[in-house]
């Protein structure tokens, strides 16, 4: 019998606080080996739009919604 593992994620569309006055949106999720997760976040800075990747501990999530996914 195979072991099933699951990961709890902040779903795409979640709002995250990058700095006191900068709120971004999760636009992508990357799951790597050993179930490590990083989030691609997009945000507006004046008239320019930026995107960057962040580890979960680098973000303050402002929405409580979580999604659980599983792997076999």
PDB file of N, CA and C in Angstrom:
ATOM      1  N   UNK A   1       0.837  -1.177   0.000  1.00  0.00           N
ATOM      2  CA  UNK A   1       0.000   0.000   0.000  1.00  0.00           C
ATOM      3  C   UNK A   1       0.886   1.246   0.000  1.00  0.00           C
ATOM      4  N   UNK A   2       0.556   2.203  -0.857  1.00  0.00           N
ATOM      5  CA  UNK A   2       1.346   3.424  -0.964  1.00  0.00           C
ATOM      6  C   UNK A   2       0.951   4.424   0.116  1.00  0.00           C
ATOM      7  N   UNK A   3       1.944   5.162   0.580  1.00  0.00           N
ATOM      8  CA  UNK A   3       1.715   6.196   1.574  1.00  0.00           C
ATOM      9  C   UNK A   3       1.257   7.474   0.867  1.00  0.00           C
ATOM     10  N   UNK A   4       0.211   8.116   1.375  1.00  0.00           N
ATOM     11  CA  UNK A   4      -0.270   9.368   0.821  1.00  0.00           C
ATOM     12  C   UNK A   4       0.171  10.512   1.710  1.00  0.00           C
ATOM     13  N   UNK A   5       0.779  11.524   1.108  1.00  0.00           N
ATOM     14  CA  UNK A   5       1.185  12.719   1.833  1.00  0.00           C
ATOM     15  C   UNK A   5       0.341  13.877   1.343  1.00  0.00           C
ATOM     16  N   UNK A   6       0.122  14.850   2.216  1.00  0.00           N
ATOM     17  CA  UNK A   6      -0.612  16.032   1.784  1.00  0.00           C
ATOM     18  C   UNK A   6       0.131  17.285   2.226  1.00  0.00           C
ATOM     19  N   UNK A   7      -0.136  18.362   1.511  1.00  0.00           N
ATOM     20  CA  UNK A   7       0.473  19.651   1.782  1.00  0.00           C
ATOM     21  C   UNK A   7      -0.648  20.672   1.920  1.00  0.00           C
ATOM     22  N   UNK A   8      -0.526  21.563   2.888  1.00  0.00           N
ATOM     23  CA  UNK A   8      -1.486  22.652   3.036  1.00  0.00           C
ATOM     24  C   UNK A   8      -0.906  23.896   2.372  1.00  0.00           C
ATOM     25  N   UNK A   9      -1.672  24.483   1.463  1.00  0.00           N
ATOM     26  CA  UNK A   9      -1.213  25.606   0.663  1.00  0.00           C
ATOM     27  C   UNK A   9      -2.140  26.802   0.790  1.00  0.00           C
ATOM     28  N   UNK A  10      -1.590  27.985   0.558  1.00  0.00           N
ATOM     29  CA  UNK A  10      -2.413  29.170   0.343  1.00  0.00           C
ATOM     30  C   UNK A  10      -2.745  29.170  -1.145  1.00  0.00           C
ATOM     31  N   UNK A  11      -4.019  29.195  -1.506  1.00  0.00           N
ATOM     32  CA  UNK A  11      -4.380  29.051  -2.919  1.00  0.00           C
ATOM     33  C   UNK A  11      -4.027  30.279  -3.751  1.00  0.00           C
ATOM     34  N   UNK A  12      -3.960  30.069  -5.050  1.00  0.00           N
ATOM     35  CA  UNK A  12      -3.778  31.178  -5.979  1.00  0.00           C
ATOM     36  C   UNK A  12      -4.918  32.164  -5.756  1.00  0.00           C
ATOM     37  N   UNK A  13      -4.581  33.428  -5.729  1.00  0.00           N
ATOM     38  CA  UNK A  13      -5.563  34.474  -5.451  1.00  0.00           C
ATOM     39  C   UNK A  13      -5.494  34.986  -4.028  1.00  0.00           C
ATOM     40  N   UNK A  14      -4.755  34.285  -3.149  1.00  0.00           N
ATOM     41  CA  UNK A  14      -4.607  34.729  -1.757  1.00  0.00           C
ATOM     42  C   UNK A  14      -3.890  36.069  -1.712  1.00  0.00           C
ATOM     43  N   UNK A  15      -4.329  36.941  -0.826  1.00  0.00           N
ATOM     44  CA  UNK A  15      -3.674  38.233  -0.620  1.00  0.00           C
ATOM     45  C   UNK A  15      -2.590  38.077   0.432  1.00  0.00           C
ATOM     46  N   UNK A  16      -1.421  38.653   0.163  1.00  0.00           N
ATOM     47  CA  UNK A  16      -0.288  38.568   1.084  1.00  0.00           C
ATOM     48  C   UNK A  16       0.301  39.964   1.293  1.00  0.00           C
ATOM     49  N   UNK A  17       0.803  40.178   2.487  1.00  0.00           N
ATOM     50  CA  UNK A  17       1.422  41.456   2.836  1.00  0.00           C
ATOM     51  C   UNK A  17       2.928  41.309   2.663  1.00  0.00           C
ATOM     52  N   UNK A  18       3.514  42.107   1.766  1.00  0.00           N
ATOM     53  CA  UNK A  18       4.944  42.061   1.517  1.00  0.00           C
ATOM     54  C   UNK A  18       5.682  43.078   2.382  1.00  0.00           C
ATOM     55  N   UNK A  19       5.094  44.233   2.540  1.00  0.00           N
ATOM     56  CA  UNK A  19       5.591  45.294   3.410  1.00  0.00           C
ATOM     57  C   UNK A  19       4.363  45.981   3.992  1.00  0.00           C
ATOM     58  N   UNK A  20       4.567  46.933   4.890  1.00  0.00           N
ATOM     59  CA  UNK A  20       3.427  47.592   5.528  1.00  0.00           C
ATOM     60  C   UNK A  20       2.432  48.157   4.526  1.00  0.00           C
ATOM     61  N   UNK A  21       2.929  48.697   3.421  1.00  0.00           N
ATOM     62  CA  UNK A  21       2.038  49.337   2.457  1.00  0.00           C
ATOM     63  C   UNK A  21       1.978  48.628   1.107  1.00  0.00           C
ATOM     64  N   UNK A  22       2.475  47.390   1.034  1.00  0.00           N
ATOM     65  CA  UNK A  22       2.478  46.637  -0.226  1.00  0.00           C
ATOM     66  C   UNK A  22       1.735  45.317  -0.029  1.00  0.00           C
ATOM     67  N   UNK A  23       0.617  45.176  -0.748  1.00  0.00           N
ATOM     68  CA  UNK A  23      -0.164  43.943  -0.732  1.00  0.00           C
ATOM     69  C   UNK A  23      -0.036  43.292  -2.098  1.00  0.00           C
ATOM     70  N   UNK A  24       0.291  42.007  -2.102  1.00  0.00           N
ATOM     71  CA  UNK A  24       0.424  41.255  -3.344  1.00  0.00           C
ATOM     72  C   UNK A  24      -0.617  40.154  -3.419  1.00  0.00           C
ATOM     73  N   UNK A  25      -0.635  39.474  -4.546  1.00  0.00           N
ATOM     74  CA  UNK A  25      -1.547  38.359  -4.785  1.00  0.00           C
ATOM     75  C   UNK A  25      -0.740  37.149  -5.228  1.00  0.00           C
ATOM     76  N   UNK A  26      -1.027  35.990  -4.639  1.00  0.00           N
ATOM     77  CA  UNK A  26      -0.378  34.753  -5.072  1.00  0.00           C
ATOM     78  C   UNK A  26      -0.871  34.431  -6.479  1.00  0.00           C
ATOM     79  N   UNK A  27       0.075  34.356  -7.436  1.00  0.00           N
ATOM     80  CA  UNK A  27      -0.281  34.077  -8.821  1.00  0.00           C
ATOM     81  C   UNK A  27       0.258  32.730  -9.298  1.00  0.00           C
ATOM     82  N   UNK A  28       1.100  32.081  -8.474  1.00  0.00           N
ATOM     83  CA  UNK A  28       1.634  30.773  -8.833  1.00  0.00           C
ATOM     84  C   UNK A  28       2.174  30.048  -7.617  1.00  0.00           C
ATOM     85  N   UNK A  29       2.208  28.730  -7.706  1.00  0.00           N
ATOM     86  CA  UNK A  29       2.720  27.894  -6.616  1.00  0.00           C
ATOM     87  C   UNK A  29       3.704  26.903  -7.226  1.00  0.00           C
ATOM     88  N   UNK A  30       4.864  26.768  -6.602  1.00  0.00           N
ATOM     89  CA  UNK A  30       5.872  25.820  -7.052  1.00  0.00           C
ATOM     90  C   UNK A  30       6.111  24.806  -5.940  1.00  0.00           C
ATOM     91  N   UNK A  31       5.914  23.523  -6.260  1.00  0.00           N
ATOM     92  CA  UNK A  31       6.168  22.448  -5.299  1.00  0.00           C
ATOM     93  C   UNK A  31       7.381  21.673  -5.804  1.00  0.00           C
ATOM     94  N   UNK A  32       8.430  21.669  -5.004  1.00  0.00           N
ATOM     95  CA  UNK A  32       9.685  21.020  -5.387  1.00  0.00           C
ATOM     96  C   UNK A  32       9.865  19.719  -4.616  1.00  0.00           C
ATOM     97  N   UNK A  33      11.048  19.124  -4.767  1.00  0.00           N
ATOM     98  CA  UNK A  33      11.349  17.879  -4.060  1.00  0.00           C
ATOM     99  C   UNK A  33      11.134  18.040  -2.556  1.00  0.00           C
ATOM    100  N   UNK A  34      10.889  16.980  -1.885  1.00  0.00           N
ATOM    101  CA  UNK A  34      10.625  16.973  -0.440  1.00  0.00           C
ATOM    102  C   UNK A  34       9.439  17.853  -0.059  1.00  0.00           C
ATOM    103  N   UNK A  35       8.533  18.094  -1.006  1.00  0.00           N
ATOM    104  CA  UNK A  35       7.321  18.888  -0.776  1.00  0.00           C
ATOM    105  C   UNK A  35       7.611  20.314  -0.318  1.00  0.00           C
ATOM    106  N   UNK A  36       8.746  20.880  -0.715  1.00  0.00           N
ATOM    107  CA  UNK A  36       9.008  22.281  -0.378  1.00  0.00           C
ATOM    108  C   UNK A  36       8.189  23.166  -1.324  1.00  0.00           C
ATOM    109  N   UNK A  37       7.646  24.243  -0.767  1.00  0.00           N
ATOM    110  CA  UNK A  37       6.719  25.107  -1.490  1.00  0.00           C
ATOM    111  C   UNK A  37       7.285  26.518  -1.581  1.00  0.00           C
ATOM    112  N   UNK A  38       7.123  27.142  -2.745  1.00  0.00           N
ATOM    113  CA  UNK A  38       7.373  28.573  -2.885  1.00  0.00           C
ATOM    114  C   UNK A  38       6.191  29.165  -3.642  1.00  0.00           C
ATOM    115  N   UNK A  39       5.976  30.453  -3.428  1.00  0.00           N
ATOM    116  CA  UNK A  39       4.849  31.148  -4.037  1.00  0.00           C
ATOM    117  C   UNK A  39       5.356  32.235  -4.963  1.00  0.00           C
ATOM    118  N   UNK A  40       4.744  32.346  -6.130  1.00  0.00           N
ATOM    119  CA  UNK A  40       5.003  33.493  -6.998  1.00  0.00           C
ATOM    120  C   UNK A  40       3.939  34.528  -6.668  1.00  0.00           C
ATOM    121  N   UNK A  41       4.391  35.734  -6.345  1.00  0.00           N
ATOM    122  CA  UNK A  41       3.491  36.801  -5.927  1.00  0.00           C
ATOM    123  C   UNK A  41       3.647  37.979  -6.883  1.00  0.00           C
ATOM    124  N   UNK A  42       2.522  38.557  -7.259  1.00  0.00           N
ATOM    125  CA  UNK A  42       2.521  39.743  -8.096  1.00  0.00           C
ATOM    126  C   UNK A  42       1.953  40.921  -7.323  1.00  0.00           C
ATOM    127  N   UNK A  43       2.481  42.121  -7.591  1.00  0.00           N
ATOM    128  CA  UNK A  43       1.990  43.316  -6.918  1.00  0.00           C
ATOM    129  C   UNK A  43       2.255  44.548  -7.782  1.00  0.00           C
ATOM    130  N   UNK A  44       1.461  45.568  -7.550  1.00  0.00           N
ATOM    131  CA  UNK A  44       1.623  46.846  -8.238  1.00  0.00           C
ATOM    132  C   UNK A  44       2.498  47.753  -7.407  1.00  0.00           C
ATOM    133  N   UNK A  45       3.433  48.419  -8.071  1.00  0.00           N
ATOM    134  CA  UNK A  45       4.293  49.406  -7.448  1.00  0.00           C
ATOM    135  C   UNK A  45       4.169  50.671  -8.298  1.00  0.00           C
ATOM    136  N   UNK A  46       3.250  51.539  -7.908  1.00  0.00           N
ATOM    137  CA  UNK A  46       2.950  52.690  -8.749  1.00  0.00           C
ATOM    138  C   UNK A  46       2.270  52.212 -10.013  1.00  0.00           C
ATOM    139  N   UNK A  47       2.868  52.515 -11.168  1.00  0.00           N
ATOM    140  CA  UNK A  47       2.291  52.100 -12.449  1.00  0.00           C
ATOM    141  C   UNK A  47       2.934  50.835 -13.001  1.00  0.00           C
ATOM    142  N   UNK A  48       3.900  50.265 -12.280  1.00  0.00           N
ATOM    143  CA  UNK A  48       4.561  49.049 -12.771  1.00  0.00           C
ATOM    144  C   UNK A  48       4.131  47.833 -11.949  1.00  0.00           C
ATOM    145  N   UNK A  49       4.064  46.702 -12.629  1.00  0.00           N
ATOM    146  CA  UNK A  49       3.663  45.440 -12.010  1.00  0.00           C
ATOM    147  C   UNK A  49       4.905  44.574 -11.855  1.00  0.00           C
ATOM    148  N   UNK A  50       5.087  44.015 -10.673  1.00  0.00           N
ATOM    149  CA  UNK A  50       6.242  43.157 -10.392  1.00  0.00           C
ATOM    150  C   UNK A  50       5.786  41.776  -9.964  1.00  0.00           C
ATOM    151  N   UNK A  51       6.624  40.767 -10.205  1.00  0.00           N
ATOM    152  CA  UNK A  51       6.392  39.405  -9.729  1.00  0.00           C
ATOM    153  C   UNK A  51       7.709  38.873  -9.192  1.00  0.00           C
ATOM    154  N   UNK A  52       7.622  38.087  -8.107  1.00  0.00           N
ATOM    155  CA  UNK A  52       8.817  37.457  -7.559  1.00  0.00           C
ATOM    156  C   UNK A  52       8.387  36.211  -6.797  1.00  0.00           C
ATOM    157  N   UNK A  53       9.355  35.342  -6.504  1.00  0.00           N
ATOM    158  CA  UNK A  53       9.084  34.116  -5.756  1.00  0.00           C
ATOM    159  C   UNK A  53       9.461  34.303  -4.293  1.00  0.00           C
ATOM    160  N   UNK A  54       8.635  33.735  -3.395  1.00  0.00           N
ATOM    161  CA  UNK A  54       8.846  33.851  -1.958  1.00  0.00           C
ATOM    162  C   UNK A  54       8.630  32.501  -1.296  1.00  0.00           C
ATOM    163  N   UNK A  55       9.371  32.249  -0.238  1.00  0.00           N
ATOM    164  CA  UNK A  55       9.134  31.080   0.608  1.00  0.00           C
ATOM    165  C   UNK A  55       8.007  31.422   1.575  1.00  0.00           C
ATOM    166  N   UNK A  56       7.296  30.421   2.076  1.00  0.00           N
ATOM    167  CA  UNK A  56       6.156  30.699   2.956  1.00  0.00           C
ATOM    168  C   UNK A  56       6.486  31.587   4.157  1.00  0.00           C
ATOM    169  N   UNK A  57       7.667  31.422   4.752  1.00  0.00           N
ATOM    170  CA  UNK A  57       8.003  32.217   5.943  1.00  0.00           C
ATOM    171  C   UNK A  57       8.280  33.683   5.610  1.00  0.00           C
ATOM    172  N   UNK A  58       8.390  34.020   4.327  1.00  0.00           N
ATOM    173  CA  UNK A  58       8.640  35.398   3.916  1.00  0.00           C
ATOM    174  C   UNK A  58       7.360  36.198   3.698  1.00  0.00           C
ATOM    175  N   UNK A  59       6.220  35.546   3.795  1.00  0.00           N
ATOM    176  CA  UNK A  59       4.944  36.187   3.498  1.00  0.00           C
ATOM    177  C   UNK A  59       4.045  36.248   4.720  1.00  0.00           C
ATOM    178  N   UNK A  60       3.260  37.297   4.792  1.00  0.00           N
ATOM    179  CA  UNK A  60       2.194  37.399   5.792  1.00  0.00           C
ATOM    180  C   UNK A  60       0.883  37.307   5.012  1.00  0.00           C
ATOM    181  N   UNK A  61       0.190  36.193   5.163  1.00  0.00           N
ATOM    182  CA  UNK A  61      -1.043  35.953   4.418  1.00  0.00           C
ATOM    183  C   UNK A  61      -2.178  36.691   5.109  1.00  0.00           C
ATOM    184  N   UNK A  62      -2.957  37.444   4.331  1.00  0.00           N
ATOM    185  CA  UNK A  62      -4.052  38.228   4.909  1.00  0.00           C
ATOM    186  C   UNK A  62      -5.399  37.543   4.766  1.00  0.00           C
ATOM    187  N   UNK A  63      -5.447  36.388   4.109  1.00  0.00           N
ATOM    188  CA  UNK A  63      -6.683  35.612   3.997  1.00  0.00           C
ATOM    189  C   UNK A  63      -6.494  34.284   4.724  1.00  0.00           C
ATOM    190  N   UNK A  64      -7.540  33.768   5.322  1.00  0.00           N
ATOM    191  CA  UNK A  64      -7.447  32.543   6.113  1.00  0.00           C
ATOM    192  C   UNK A  64      -7.660  31.267   5.307  1.00  0.00           C
ATOM    193  N   UNK A  65      -8.015  31.396   4.053  1.00  0.00           N
ATOM    194  CA  UNK A  65      -8.331  30.239   3.240  1.00  0.00           C
ATOM    195  C   UNK A  65      -7.085  29.401   2.963  1.00  0.00           C
ATOM    196  N   UNK A  66      -7.185  28.104   3.148  1.00  0.00           N
ATOM    197  CA  UNK A  66      -6.100  27.158   2.858  1.00  0.00           C
ATOM    198  C   UNK A  66      -6.660  26.065   1.957  1.00  0.00           C
ATOM    199  N   UNK A  67      -5.789  25.454   1.174  1.00  0.00           N
ATOM    200  CA  UNK A  67      -6.146  24.331   0.317  1.00  0.00           C
ATOM    201  C   UNK A  67      -5.217  23.187   0.652  1.00  0.00           C
ATOM    202  N   UNK A  68      -5.753  21.983   0.767  1.00  0.00           N
ATOM    203  CA  UNK A  68      -4.932  20.810   1.034  1.00  0.00           C
ATOM    204  C   UNK A  68      -4.918  19.954  -0.225  1.00  0.00           C
ATOM    205  N   UNK A  69      -3.699  19.582  -0.645  1.00  0.00           N
ATOM    206  CA  UNK A  69      -3.569  18.697  -1.799  1.00  0.00           C
ATOM    207  C   UNK A  69      -2.797  17.468  -1.352  1.00  0.00           C
ATOM    208  N   UNK A  70      -3.015  16.354  -2.028  1.00  0.00           N
ATOM    209  CA  UNK A  70      -2.357  15.117  -1.627  1.00  0.00           C
ATOM    210  C   UNK A  70      -1.651  14.451  -2.784  1.00  0.00           C
ATOM    211  N   UNK A  71      -0.641  13.658  -2.439  1.00  0.00           N
ATOM    212  CA  UNK A  71       0.146  12.927  -3.417  1.00  0.00           C
ATOM    213  C   UNK A  71       0.262  11.477  -2.959  1.00  0.00           C
ATOM    214  N   UNK A  72       0.391  10.597  -3.913  1.00  0.00           N
ATOM    215  CA  UNK A  72       0.604   9.184  -3.609  1.00  0.00           C
ATOM    216  C   UNK A  72       2.028   8.855  -3.966  1.00  0.00           C
TER     217      UNK A  72
END
